Amino acid sequence: MFLLALLKIKTVNLSELSLEFGGLALPASNHKHLQRFFRGFDLDYAVIAKAIVDWMKIPRLWVLSKDRITWEFGCHIYNILTIGVVHEGVALPWLWWMRGKKGNSDDEPLWC
């Protein structure tokens, strides 16, 4: 029911998805069921990545890309390093790390 609701509603908002379940349960009950399910749910990213590669039929000799971007929202800094697999000119993010600071290196600057 979750996958059908997800395809129909086209959102990951659990409140909206819970309205599509139907049946005898109230939408609030469906919402609580979804919250409990995802609270204890752990994604296996390796399995998901393999499924995507198999589904898209990406050839085995991969071209990898590396990218880093820093976003600043107020006093919050989001520094993301990604490794992607390039397929038909598009880099699909494969691995990513959230860095806790600005910049791309932990090395001390030479001019200090």
PDB file of N, CA and C in Angstrom:
ATOM      1  N   MET A   1       0.818  -1.187   0.000  1.00  0.00           N
ATOM      2  CA  MET A   1       0.000   0.000   0.000  1.00  0.00           C
ATOM      3  C   MET A   1       0.866   1.256   0.000  1.00  0.00           C
ATOM      4  N   PHE A   2       1.994   1.187   0.706  1.00  0.00           N
ATOM      5  CA  PHE A   2       2.877   2.342   0.762  1.00  0.00           C
ATOM      6  C   PHE A   2       3.397   2.697  -0.627  1.00  0.00           C
ATOM      7  N   LEU A   3       3.896   1.712  -1.370  1.00  0.00           N
ATOM      8  CA  LEU A   3       4.446   1.980  -2.702  1.00  0.00           C
ATOM      9  C   LEU A   3       3.383   2.511  -3.653  1.00  0.00           C
ATOM     10  N   LEU A   4       2.193   1.963  -3.597  1.00  0.00           N
ATOM     11  CA  LEU A   4       1.110   2.459  -4.454  1.00  0.00           C
ATOM     12  C   LEU A   4       0.763   3.904  -4.105  1.00  0.00           C
ATOM     13  N   ALA A   5       0.677   4.211  -2.818  1.00  0.00           N
ATOM     14  CA  ALA A   5       0.387   5.581  -2.393  1.00  0.00           C
ATOM     15  C   ALA A   5       1.512   6.516  -2.820  1.00  0.00           C
ATOM     16  N   LEU A   6       2.748   6.072  -2.712  1.00  0.00           N
ATOM     17  CA  LEU A   6       3.900   6.883  -3.098  1.00  0.00           C
ATOM     18  C   LEU A   6       3.858   7.219  -4.585  1.00  0.00           C
ATOM     19  N   LEU A   7       3.530   6.234  -5.411  1.00  0.00           N
ATOM     20  CA  LEU A   7       3.437   6.463  -6.855  1.00  0.00           C
ATOM     21  C   LEU A   7       2.262   7.375  -7.203  1.00  0.00           C
ATOM     22  N   LYS A   8       1.183   7.246  -6.493  1.00  0.00           N
ATOM     23  CA  LYS A   8      -0.013   8.033  -6.785  1.00  0.00           C
ATOM     24  C   LYS A   8       0.129   9.479  -6.305  1.00  0.00           C
ATOM     25  N   ILE A   9       0.595   9.669  -5.077  1.00  0.00           N
ATOM     26  CA  ILE A   9       0.671  10.997  -4.473  1.00  0.00           C
ATOM     27  C   ILE A   9       1.924  11.747  -4.924  1.00  0.00           C
ATOM     28  N   LYS A  10       3.007  11.022  -5.212  1.00  0.00           N
ATOM     29  CA  LYS A  10       4.283  11.587  -5.660  1.00  0.00           C
ATOM     30  C   LYS A  10       4.890  12.537  -4.624  1.00  0.00           C
ATOM     31  N   THR A  11       4.826  12.122  -3.372  1.00  0.00           N
ATOM     32  CA  THR A  11       5.457  12.859  -2.290  1.00  0.00           C
ATOM     33  C   THR A  11       5.903  11.867  -1.227  1.00  0.00           C
ATOM     34  N   VAL A  12       6.846  12.286  -0.402  1.00  0.00           N
ATOM     35  CA  VAL A  12       7.273  11.434   0.706  1.00  0.00           C
ATOM     36  C   VAL A  12       6.710  11.939   2.027  1.00  0.00           C
ATOM     37  N   ASN A  13       5.770  12.867   1.960  1.00  0.00           N
ATOM     38  CA  ASN A  13       5.126  13.394   3.151  1.00  0.00           C
ATOM     39  C   ASN A  13       4.209  12.316   3.731  1.00  0.00           C
ATOM     40  N   LEU A  14       4.543  11.817   4.910  1.00  0.00           N
ATOM     41  CA  LEU A  14       3.785  10.704   5.496  1.00  0.00           C
ATOM     42  C   LEU A  14       2.342  11.066   5.784  1.00  0.00           C
ATOM     43  N   SER A  15       2.073  12.320   6.128  1.00  0.00           N
ATOM     44  CA  SER A  15       0.692  12.746   6.386  1.00  0.00           C
ATOM     45  C   SER A  15      -0.163  12.599   5.129  1.00  0.00           C
ATOM     46  N   GLU A  16       0.395  12.995   3.992  1.00  0.00           N
ATOM     47  CA  GLU A  16      -0.346  12.889   2.739  1.00  0.00           C
ATOM     48  C   GLU A  16      -0.464  11.434   2.281  1.00  0.00           C
ATOM     49  N   LEU A  17       0.606  10.663   2.458  1.00  0.00           N
ATOM     50  CA  LEU A  17       0.556   9.254   2.063  1.00  0.00           C
ATOM     51  C   LEU A  17      -0.472   8.479   2.880  1.00  0.00           C
ATOM     52  N   SER A  18      -0.592   8.804   4.151  1.00  0.00           N
ATOM     53  CA  SER A  18      -1.512   8.068   5.017  1.00  0.00           C
ATOM     54  C   SER A  18      -2.972   8.266   4.610  1.00  0.00           C
ATOM     55  N   LEU A  19      -3.272   9.329   3.884  1.00  0.00           N
ATOM     56  CA  LEU A  19      -4.643   9.566   3.408  1.00  0.00           C
ATOM     57  C   LEU A  19      -5.036   8.598   2.293  1.00  0.00           C
ATOM     58  N   GLU A  20      -4.066   8.030   1.598  1.00  0.00           N
ATOM     59  CA  GLU A  20      -4.323   7.171   0.444  1.00  0.00           C
ATOM     60  C   GLU A  20      -4.456   5.692   0.785  1.00  0.00           C
ATOM     61  N   PHE A  21      -4.233   5.325   2.024  1.00  0.00           N
ATOM     62  CA  PHE A  21      -4.235   3.904   2.380  1.00  0.00           C
ATOM     63  C   PHE A  21      -5.624   3.291   2.340  1.00  0.00           C
ATOM     64  N   GLY A  22      -6.640   4.077   2.608  1.00  0.00           N
ATOM     65  CA  GLY A  22      -7.995   3.534   2.612  1.00  0.00           C
ATOM     66  C   GLY A  22      -8.179   2.534   3.744  1.00  0.00           C
ATOM     67  N   GLY A  23      -9.136   1.629   3.598  1.00  0.00           N
ATOM     68  CA  GLY A  23      -9.396   0.631   4.627  1.00  0.00           C
ATOM     69  C   GLY A  23     -10.170   1.217   5.789  1.00  0.00           C
ATOM     70  N   LEU A  24     -10.239   0.486   6.877  1.00  0.00           N
ATOM     71  CA  LEU A  24     -11.020   0.905   8.037  1.00  0.00           C
ATOM     72  C   LEU A  24     -10.252   1.803   8.995  1.00  0.00           C
ATOM     73  N   ALA A  25      -8.935   1.795   8.931  1.00  0.00           N
ATOM     74  CA  ALA A  25      -8.122   2.595   9.857  1.00  0.00           C
ATOM     75  C   ALA A  25      -8.218   4.078   9.505  1.00  0.00           C
ATOM     76  N   LEU A  26      -8.156   4.897  10.526  1.00  0.00           N
ATOM     77  CA  LEU A  26      -8.148   6.343  10.324  1.00  0.00           C
ATOM     78  C   LEU A  26      -6.807   6.780   9.746  1.00  0.00           C
ATOM     79  N   PRO A  27      -6.800   7.871   8.970  1.00  0.00           N
ATOM     80  CA  PRO A  27      -5.524   8.366   8.440  1.00  0.00           C
ATOM     81  C   PRO A  27      -4.487   8.625   9.545  1.00  0.00           C
ATOM     82  N   ALA A  28      -4.931   9.086  10.716  1.00  0.00           N
ATOM     83  CA  ALA A  28      -3.983   9.321  11.821  1.00  0.00           C
ATOM     84  C   ALA A  28      -3.329   8.014  12.261  1.00  0.00           C
ATOM     85  N   SER A  29      -4.086   6.925  12.256  1.00  0.00           N
ATOM     86  CA  SER A  29      -3.520   5.616  12.607  1.00  0.00           C
ATOM     87  C   SER A  29      -2.515   5.166  11.553  1.00  0.00           C
ATOM     88  N   ASN A  30      -2.870   5.353  10.283  1.00  0.00           N
ATOM     89  CA  ASN A  30      -1.950   4.997   9.201  1.00  0.00           C
ATOM     90  C   ASN A  30      -0.656   5.812   9.312  1.00  0.00           C
ATOM     91  N   HIS A  31      -0.794   7.080   9.661  1.00  0.00           N
ATOM     92  CA  HIS A  31       0.369   7.946   9.817  1.00  0.00           C
ATOM     93  C   HIS A  31       1.280   7.435  10.929  1.00  0.00           C
ATOM     94  N   LYS A  32       0.701   7.032  12.046  1.00  0.00           N
ATOM     95  CA  LYS A  32       1.495   6.495  13.157  1.00  0.00           C
ATOM     96  C   LYS A  32       2.180   5.189  12.767  1.00  0.00           C
ATOM     97  N   HIS A  33       1.491   4.348  11.996  1.00  0.00           N
ATOM     98  CA  HIS A  33       2.096   3.090  11.517  1.00  0.00           C
ATOM     99  C   HIS A  33       3.320   3.394  10.640  1.00  0.00           C
ATOM    100  N   LEU A  34       3.167   4.377   9.737  1.00  0.00           N
ATOM    101  CA  LEU A  34       4.290   4.744   8.876  1.00  0.00           C
ATOM    102  C   LEU A  34       5.457   5.296   9.697  1.00  0.00           C
ATOM    103  N   GLN A  35       5.165   6.128  10.693  1.00  0.00           N
ATOM    104  CA  GLN A  35       6.227   6.671  11.538  1.00  0.00           C
ATOM    105  C   GLN A  35       6.975   5.564  12.274  1.00  0.00           C
ATOM    106  N   ARG A  36       6.232   4.613  12.831  1.00  0.00           N
ATOM    107  CA  ARG A  36       6.880   3.503  13.549  1.00  0.00           C
ATOM    108  C   ARG A  36       7.723   2.665  12.610  1.00  0.00           C
ATOM    109  N   PHE A  37       7.213   2.422  11.397  1.00  0.00           N
ATOM    110  CA  PHE A  37       7.953   1.625  10.430  1.00  0.00           C
ATOM    111  C   PHE A  37       9.288   2.295  10.094  1.00  0.00           C
ATOM    112  N   PHE A  38       9.247   3.587   9.768  1.00  0.00           N
ATOM    113  CA  PHE A  38      10.475   4.261   9.351  1.00  0.00           C
ATOM    114  C   PHE A  38      11.401   4.572  10.517  1.00  0.00           C
ATOM    115  N   ARG A  39      10.894   4.641  11.716  1.00  0.00           N
ATOM    116  CA  ARG A  39      11.749   4.870  12.885  1.00  0.00           C
ATOM    117  C   ARG A  39      12.736   3.717  13.051  1.00  0.00           C
ATOM    118  N   GLY A  40      12.303   2.489  12.818  1.00  0.00           N
ATOM    119  CA  GLY A  40      13.172   1.331  12.990  1.00  0.00           C
ATOM    120  C   GLY A  40      13.752   0.812  11.691  1.00  0.00           C
ATOM    121  N   PHE A  41      13.547   1.541  10.592  1.00  0.00           N
ATOM    122  CA  PHE A  41      13.976   1.086   9.272  1.00  0.00           C
ATOM    123  C   PHE A  41      15.363   1.619   8.969  1.00  0.00           C
ATOM    124  N   ASP A  42      16.266   0.742   8.553  1.00  0.00           N
ATOM    125  CA  ASP A  42      17.611   1.144   8.198  1.00  0.00           C
ATOM    126  C   ASP A  42      17.860   0.774   6.745  1.00  0.00           C
ATOM    127  N   LEU A  43      18.191   1.767   5.922  1.00  0.00           N
ATOM    128  CA  LEU A  43      18.428   1.518   4.502  1.00  0.00           C
ATOM    129  C   LEU A  43      19.803   0.889   4.295  1.00  0.00           C
ATOM    130  N   ASP A  44      19.872  -0.095   3.431  1.00  0.00           N
ATOM    131  CA  ASP A  44      21.140  -0.697   3.036  1.00  0.00           C
ATOM    132  C   ASP A  44      21.542  -0.051   1.710  1.00  0.00           C
ATOM    133  N   TYR A  45      22.367   0.991   1.792  1.00  0.00           N
ATOM    134  CA  TYR A  45      22.704   1.773   0.609  1.00  0.00           C
ATOM    135  C   TYR A  45      23.457   0.956  -0.439  1.00  0.00           C
ATOM    136  N   ALA A  46      24.217  -0.024  -0.034  1.00  0.00           N
ATOM    137  CA  ALA A  46      24.929  -0.871  -1.000  1.00  0.00           C
ATOM    138  C   ALA A  46      23.936  -1.651  -1.856  1.00  0.00           C
ATOM    139  N   VAL A  47      22.883  -2.165  -1.246  1.00  0.00           N
ATOM    140  CA  VAL A  47      21.861  -2.912  -1.995  1.00  0.00           C
ATOM    141  C   VAL A  47      21.113  -1.975  -2.937  1.00  0.00           C
ATOM    142  N   ILE A  48      20.794  -0.774  -2.457  1.00  0.00           N
ATOM    143  CA  ILE A  48      20.089   0.196  -3.299  1.00  0.00           C
ATOM    144  C   ILE A  48      20.958   0.601  -4.491  1.00  0.00           C
ATOM    145  N   ALA A  49      22.236   0.861  -4.247  1.00  0.00           N
ATOM    146  CA  ALA A  49      23.146   1.249  -5.322  1.00  0.00           C
ATOM    147  C   ALA A  49      23.263   0.138  -6.359  1.00  0.00           C
ATOM    148  N   LYS A  50      23.394  -1.102  -5.922  1.00  0.00           N
ATOM    149  CA  LYS A  50      23.481  -2.220  -6.860  1.00  0.00           C
ATOM    150  C   LYS A  50      22.207  -2.350  -7.677  1.00  0.00           C
ATOM    151  N   ALA A  51      21.061  -2.165  -7.043  1.00  0.00           N
ATOM    152  CA  ALA A  51      19.781  -2.247  -7.759  1.00  0.00           C
ATOM    153  C   ALA A  51      19.684  -1.161  -8.827  1.00  0.00           C
ATOM    154  N   ILE A  52      20.147   0.042  -8.502  1.00  0.00           N
ATOM    155  CA  ILE A  52      20.095   1.136  -9.473  1.00  0.00           C
ATOM    156  C   ILE A  52      21.010   0.859 -10.655  1.00  0.00           C
ATOM    157  N   VAL A  53      22.228   0.376 -10.374  1.00  0.00           N
ATOM    158  CA  VAL A  53      23.170   0.057 -11.457  1.00  0.00           C
ATOM    159  C   VAL A  53      22.602  -1.046 -12.346  1.00  0.00           C
ATOM    160  N   ASP A  54      22.019  -2.082 -11.740  1.00  0.00           N
ATOM    161  CA  ASP A  54      21.418  -3.169 -12.523  1.00  0.00           C
ATOM    162  C   ASP A  54      20.238  -2.666 -13.337  1.00  0.00           C
ATOM    163  N   TRP A  55      19.392  -1.842 -12.717  1.00  0.00           N
ATOM    164  CA  TRP A  55      18.193  -1.340 -13.375  1.00  0.00           C
ATOM    165  C   TRP A  55      18.537  -0.440 -14.560  1.00  0.00           C
ATOM    166  N   MET A  56      19.592   0.404 -14.388  1.00  0.00           N
ATOM    167  CA  MET A  56      19.970   1.336 -15.451  1.00  0.00           C
ATOM    168  C   MET A  56      20.941   0.721 -16.449  1.00  0.00           C
ATOM    169  N   LYS A  57      21.376  -0.513 -16.185  1.00  0.00           N
ATOM    170  CA  LYS A  57      22.307  -1.215 -17.069  1.00  0.00           C
ATOM    171  C   LYS A  57      23.576  -0.396 -17.329  1.00  0.00           C
ATOM    172  N   ILE A  58      24.163   0.113 -16.237  1.00  0.00           N
ATOM    173  CA  ILE A  58      25.400   0.873 -16.342  1.00  0.00           C
ATOM    174  C   ILE A  58      26.549  -0.116 -16.530  1.00  0.00           C
ATOM    175  N   PRO A  59      27.349   0.054 -17.600  1.00  0.00           N
ATOM    176  CA  PRO A  59      28.446  -0.891 -17.842  1.00  0.00           C
ATOM    177  C   PRO A  59      29.457  -0.898 -16.701  1.00  0.00           C
ATOM    178  N   ARG A  60      30.175  -2.001 -16.565  1.00  0.00           N
ATOM    179  CA  ARG A  60      31.064  -2.235 -15.413  1.00  0.00           C
ATOM    180  C   ARG A  60      32.297  -1.343 -15.370  1.00  0.00           C
ATOM    181  N   LEU A  61      32.828  -0.884 -16.478  1.00  0.00           N
ATOM    182  CA  LEU A  61      33.973   0.021 -16.430  1.00  0.00           C
ATOM    183  C   LEU A  61      33.432   1.424 -16.174  1.00  0.00           C
ATOM    184  N   TRP A  62      33.337   1.785 -14.904  1.00  0.00           N
ATOM    185  CA  TRP A  62      32.705   3.039 -14.516  1.00  0.00           C
ATOM    186  C   TRP A  62      33.655   4.219 -14.653  1.00  0.00           C
ATOM    187  N   VAL A  63      33.087   5.329 -15.029  1.00  0.00           N
ATOM    188  CA  VAL A  63      33.785   6.601 -14.966  1.00  0.00           C
ATOM    189  C   VAL A  63      33.274   7.276 -13.709  1.00  0.00           C
ATOM    190  N   LEU A  64      34.203   7.628 -12.799  1.00  0.00           N
ATOM    191  CA  LEU A  64      33.819   8.231 -11.528  1.00  0.00           C
ATOM    192  C   LEU A  64      34.021   9.738 -11.566  1.00  0.00           C
ATOM    193  N   SER A  65      33.180  10.436 -10.841  1.00  0.00           N
ATOM    194  CA  SER A  65      33.337  11.877 -10.692  1.00  0.00           C
ATOM    195  C   SER A  65      33.453  12.213  -9.212  1.00  0.00           C
ATOM    196  N   LYS A  66      34.148  13.299  -8.932  1.00  0.00           N
ATOM    197  CA  LYS A  66      34.287  13.774  -7.556  1.00  0.00           C
ATOM    198  C   LYS A  66      33.846  15.228  -7.546  1.00  0.00           C
ATOM    199  N   ASP A  67      33.023  15.577  -6.561  1.00  0.00           N
ATOM    200  CA  ASP A  67      32.544  16.943  -6.483  1.00  0.00           C
ATOM    201  C   ASP A  67      32.405  17.335  -5.020  1.00  0.00           C
ATOM    202  N   ARG A  68      32.619  18.608  -4.750  1.00  0.00           N
ATOM    203  CA  ARG A  68      32.425  19.137  -3.412  1.00  0.00           C
ATOM    204  C   ARG A  68      31.704  20.458  -3.532  1.00  0.00           C
ATOM    205  N   ILE A  69      30.719  20.658  -2.681  1.00  0.00           N
ATOM    206  CA  ILE A  69      29.971  21.913  -2.686  1.00  0.00           C
ATOM    207  C   ILE A  69      29.772  22.357  -1.244  1.00  0.00           C
ATOM    208  N   THR A  70      29.788  23.662  -1.049  1.00  0.00           N
ATOM    209  CA  THR A  70      29.533  24.222   0.269  1.00  0.00           C
ATOM    210  C   THR A  70      28.353  25.174   0.167  1.00  0.00           C
ATOM    211  N   TRP A  71      27.366  24.960   1.001  1.00  0.00           N
ATOM    212  CA  TRP A  71      26.212  25.855   1.100  1.00  0.00           C
ATOM    213  C   TRP A  71      26.235  26.494   2.470  1.00  0.00           C
ATOM    214  N   GLU A  72      25.906  27.748   2.520  1.00  0.00           N
ATOM    215  CA  GLU A  72      25.803  28.442   3.802  1.00  0.00           C
ATOM    216  C   GLU A  72      24.393  28.991   3.941  1.00  0.00           C
ATOM    217  N   PHE A  73      23.719  28.600   5.011  1.00  0.00           N
ATOM    218  CA  PHE A  73      22.397  29.112   5.344  1.00  0.00           C
ATOM    219  C   PHE A  73      22.501  29.731   6.722  1.00  0.00           C
ATOM    220  N   GLY A  74      22.567  31.054   6.771  1.00  0.00           N
ATOM    221  CA  GLY A  74      22.763  31.728   8.059  1.00  0.00           C
ATOM    222  C   GLY A  74      24.109  31.346   8.629  1.00  0.00           C
ATOM    223  N   CYS A  75      24.106  30.827   9.854  1.00  0.00           N
ATOM    224  CA  CYS A  75      25.368  30.422  10.475  1.00  0.00           C
ATOM    225  C   CYS A  75      25.656  28.929  10.262  1.00  0.00           C
ATOM    226  N   HIS A  76      24.843  28.239   9.494  1.00  0.00           N
ATOM    227  CA  HIS A  76      25.049  26.809   9.237  1.00  0.00           C
ATOM    228  C   HIS A  76      25.829  26.619   7.936  1.00  0.00           C
ATOM    229  N   ILE A  77      26.824  25.747   7.989  1.00  0.00           N
ATOM    230  CA  ILE A  77      27.644  25.431   6.821  1.00  0.00           C
ATOM    231  C   ILE A  77      27.405  23.975   6.445  1.00  0.00           C
ATOM    232  N   TYR A  78      27.067  23.741   5.192  1.00  0.00           N
ATOM    233  CA  TYR A  78      26.864  22.390   4.679  1.00  0.00           C
ATOM    234  C   TYR A  78      27.906  22.163   3.596  1.00  0.00           C
ATOM    235  N   ASN A  79      28.898  21.349   3.897  1.00  0.00           N
ATOM    236  CA  ASN A  79      29.997  21.050   2.995  1.00  0.00           C
ATOM    237  C   ASN A  79      29.864  19.574   2.628  1.00  0.00           C
ATOM    238  N   ILE A  80      29.540  19.295   1.357  1.00  0.00           N
ATOM    239  CA  ILE A  80      29.232  17.936   0.928  1.00  0.00           C
ATOM    240  C   ILE A  80      30.255  17.487  -0.117  1.00  0.00           C
ATOM    241  N   LEU A  81      30.875  16.357   0.139  1.00  0.00           N
ATOM    242  CA  LEU A  81      31.795  15.731  -0.809  1.00  0.00           C
ATOM    243  C   LEU A  81      31.087  14.518  -1.398  1.00  0.00           C
ATOM    244  N   THR A  82      31.022  14.438  -2.722  1.00  0.00           N
ATOM    245  CA  THR A  82      30.333  13.316  -3.368  1.00  0.00           C
ATOM    246  C   THR A  82      31.244  12.610  -4.360  1.00  0.00           C
ATOM    247  N   ILE A  83      31.021  11.318  -4.489  1.00  0.00           N
ATOM    248  CA  ILE A  83      31.610  10.494  -5.538  1.00  0.00           C
ATOM    249  C   ILE A  83      30.427   9.977  -6.359  1.00  0.00           C
ATOM    250  N   GLY A  84      30.520  10.140  -7.671  1.00  0.00           N
ATOM    251  CA  GLY A  84      29.424   9.718  -8.527  1.00  0.00           C
ATOM    252  C   GLY A  84      29.886   8.783  -9.616  1.00  0.00           C
ATOM    253  N   VAL A  85      28.947   8.065 -10.213  1.00  0.00           N
ATOM    254  CA  VAL A  85      29.196   7.225 -11.375  1.00  0.00           C
ATOM    255  C   VAL A  85      28.600   7.955 -12.571  1.00  0.00           C
ATOM    256  N   VAL A  86      29.430   8.216 -13.580  1.00  0.00           N
ATOM    257  CA  VAL A  86      28.976   8.943 -14.755  1.00  0.00           C
ATOM    258  C   VAL A  86      28.353   7.956 -15.734  1.00  0.00           C
ATOM    259  N   HIS A  87      27.124   8.273 -16.140  1.00  0.00           N
ATOM    260  CA  HIS A  87      26.403   7.427 -17.094  1.00  0.00           C
ATOM    261  C   HIS A  87      25.664   8.336 -18.064  1.00  0.00           C
ATOM    262  N   GLU A  88      25.993   8.210 -19.344  1.00  0.00           N
ATOM    263  CA  GLU A  88      25.381   9.004 -20.407  1.00  0.00           C
ATOM    264  C   GLU A  88      25.457  10.498 -20.105  1.00  0.00           C
ATOM    265  N   GLY A  89      26.617  10.932 -19.615  1.00  0.00           N
ATOM    266  CA  GLY A  89      26.865  12.342 -19.376  1.00  0.00           C
ATOM    267  C   GLY A  89      26.310  12.897 -18.074  1.00  0.00           C
ATOM    268  N   VAL A  90      25.720  12.060 -17.243  1.00  0.00           N
ATOM    269  CA  VAL A  90      25.154  12.507 -15.975  1.00  0.00           C
ATOM    270  C   VAL A  90      25.854  11.768 -14.842  1.00  0.00           C
ATOM    271  N   ALA A  91      26.290  12.513 -13.824  1.00  0.00           N
ATOM    272  CA  ALA A  91      26.919  11.896 -12.661  1.00  0.00           C
ATOM    273  C   ALA A  91      25.846  11.556 -11.634  1.00  0.00           C
ATOM    274  N   LEU A  92      25.719  10.274 -11.336  1.00  0.00           N
ATOM    275  CA  LEU A  92      24.760   9.803 -10.343  1.00  0.00           C
ATOM    276  C   LEU A  92      25.476   9.692  -9.011  1.00  0.00           C
ATOM    277  N   PRO A  93      25.043  10.450  -7.982  1.00  0.00           N
ATOM    278  CA  PRO A  93      25.736  10.387  -6.691  1.00  0.00           C
ATOM    279  C   PRO A  93      25.749   8.970  -6.135  1.00  0.00           C
ATOM    280  N   TRP A  94      26.913   8.506  -5.750  1.00  0.00           N
ATOM    281  CA  TRP A  94      27.082   7.134  -5.271  1.00  0.00           C
ATOM    282  C   TRP A  94      27.386   7.116  -3.778  1.00  0.00           C
ATOM    283  N   LEU A  95      28.340   7.954  -3.390  1.00  0.00           N
ATOM    284  CA  LEU A  95      28.729   8.083  -1.987  1.00  0.00           C
ATOM    285  C   LEU A  95      28.798   9.567  -1.668  1.00  0.00           C
ATOM    286  N   TRP A  96      28.490   9.923  -0.437  1.00  0.00           N
ATOM    287  CA  TRP A  96      28.627  11.312  -0.033  1.00  0.00           C
ATOM    288  C   TRP A  96      28.959  11.392   1.444  1.00  0.00           C
ATOM    289  N   TRP A  97      29.666  12.463   1.766  1.00  0.00           N
ATOM    290  CA  TRP A  97      30.068  12.722   3.144  1.00  0.00           C
ATOM    291  C   TRP A  97      29.735  14.166   3.466  1.00  0.00           C
ATOM    292  N   MET A  98      29.185  14.378   4.647  1.00  0.00           N
ATOM    293  CA  MET A  98      28.942  15.725   5.141  1.00  0.00           C
ATOM    294  C   MET A  98      30.164  16.142   5.946  1.00  0.00           C
ATOM    295  N   ARG A  99      30.818  17.198   5.529  1.00  0.00           N
ATOM    296  CA  ARG A  99      31.982  17.712   6.238  1.00  0.00           C
ATOM    297  C   ARG A  99      31.503  18.748   7.242  1.00  0.00           C
ATOM    298  N   GLY A 100      32.169  18.873   8.360  1.00  0.00           N
ATOM    299  CA  GLY A 100      31.732  19.771   9.415  1.00  0.00           C
ATOM    300  C   GLY A 100      32.328  21.162   9.358  1.00  0.00           C
ATOM    301  N   LYS A 101      32.946  21.515   8.235  1.00  0.00           N
ATOM    302  CA  LYS A 101      33.624  22.809   8.162  1.00  0.00           C
ATOM    303  C   LYS A 101      33.706  23.264   6.714  1.00  0.00           C
ATOM    304  N   LYS A 102      34.119  24.521   6.538  1.00  0.00           N
ATOM    305  CA  LYS A 102      34.366  25.022   5.188  1.00  0.00           C
ATOM    306  C   LYS A 102      35.651  24.415   4.640  1.00  0.00           C
ATOM    307  N   GLY A 103      35.817  24.453   3.331  1.00  0.00           N
ATOM    308  CA  GLY A 103      37.067  24.033   2.709  1.00  0.00           C
ATOM    309  C   GLY A 103      37.085  22.568   2.347  1.00  0.00           C
ATOM    310  N   ASN A 104      38.157  22.183   1.665  1.00  0.00           N
ATOM    311  CA  ASN A 104      38.247  20.823   1.161  1.00  0.00           C
ATOM    312  C   ASN A 104      39.414  20.036   1.729  1.00  0.00           C
ATOM    313  N   SER A 105      40.071  20.542   2.763  1.00  0.00           N
ATOM    314  CA  SER A 105      41.234  19.850   3.281  1.00  0.00           C
ATOM    315  C   SER A 105      41.346  20.039   4.782  1.00  0.00           C
ATOM    316  N   ASP A 106      41.948  19.049   5.449  1.00  0.00           N
ATOM    317  CA  ASP A 106      42.247  19.162   6.870  1.00  0.00           C
ATOM    318  C   ASP A 106      43.668  19.661   7.101  1.00  0.00           C
ATOM    319  N   ASP A 107      44.419  19.866   6.007  1.00  0.00           N
ATOM    320  CA  ASP A 107      45.804  20.320   6.132  1.00  0.00           C
ATOM    321  C   ASP A 107      45.837  21.776   6.596  1.00  0.00           C
ATOM    322  N   GLU A 108      46.907  22.119   7.313  1.00  0.00           N
ATOM    323  CA  GLU A 108      47.111  23.498   7.735  1.00  0.00           C
ATOM    324  C   GLU A 108      47.557  24.303   6.505  1.00  0.00           C
ATOM    325  N   PRO A 109      47.078  25.531   6.351  1.00  0.00           N
ATOM    326  CA  PRO A 109      47.541  26.366   5.233  1.00  0.00           C
ATOM    327  C   PRO A 109      49.033  26.622   5.341  1.00  0.00           C
ATOM    328  N   LEU A 110      49.710  26.751   4.200  1.00  0.00           N
ATOM    329  CA  LEU A 110      51.164  26.961   4.182  1.00  0.00           C
ATOM    330  C   LEU A 110      51.547  28.338   4.710  1.00  0.00           C
ATOM    331  N   TRP A 111      50.665  29.306   4.644  1.00  0.00           N
ATOM    332  CA  TRP A 111      51.011  30.673   5.026  1.00  0.00           C
ATOM    333  C   TRP A 111      50.785  30.969   6.511  1.00  0.00           C
ATOM    334  N   CYS A 112      50.442  30.008   7.320  1.00  0.00           N
ATOM    335  CA  CYS A 112      50.226  30.251   8.757  1.00  0.00           C
ATOM    336  C   CYS A 112      51.531  30.311   9.500  1.00  0.00           C
TER     337      CYS A 112
END
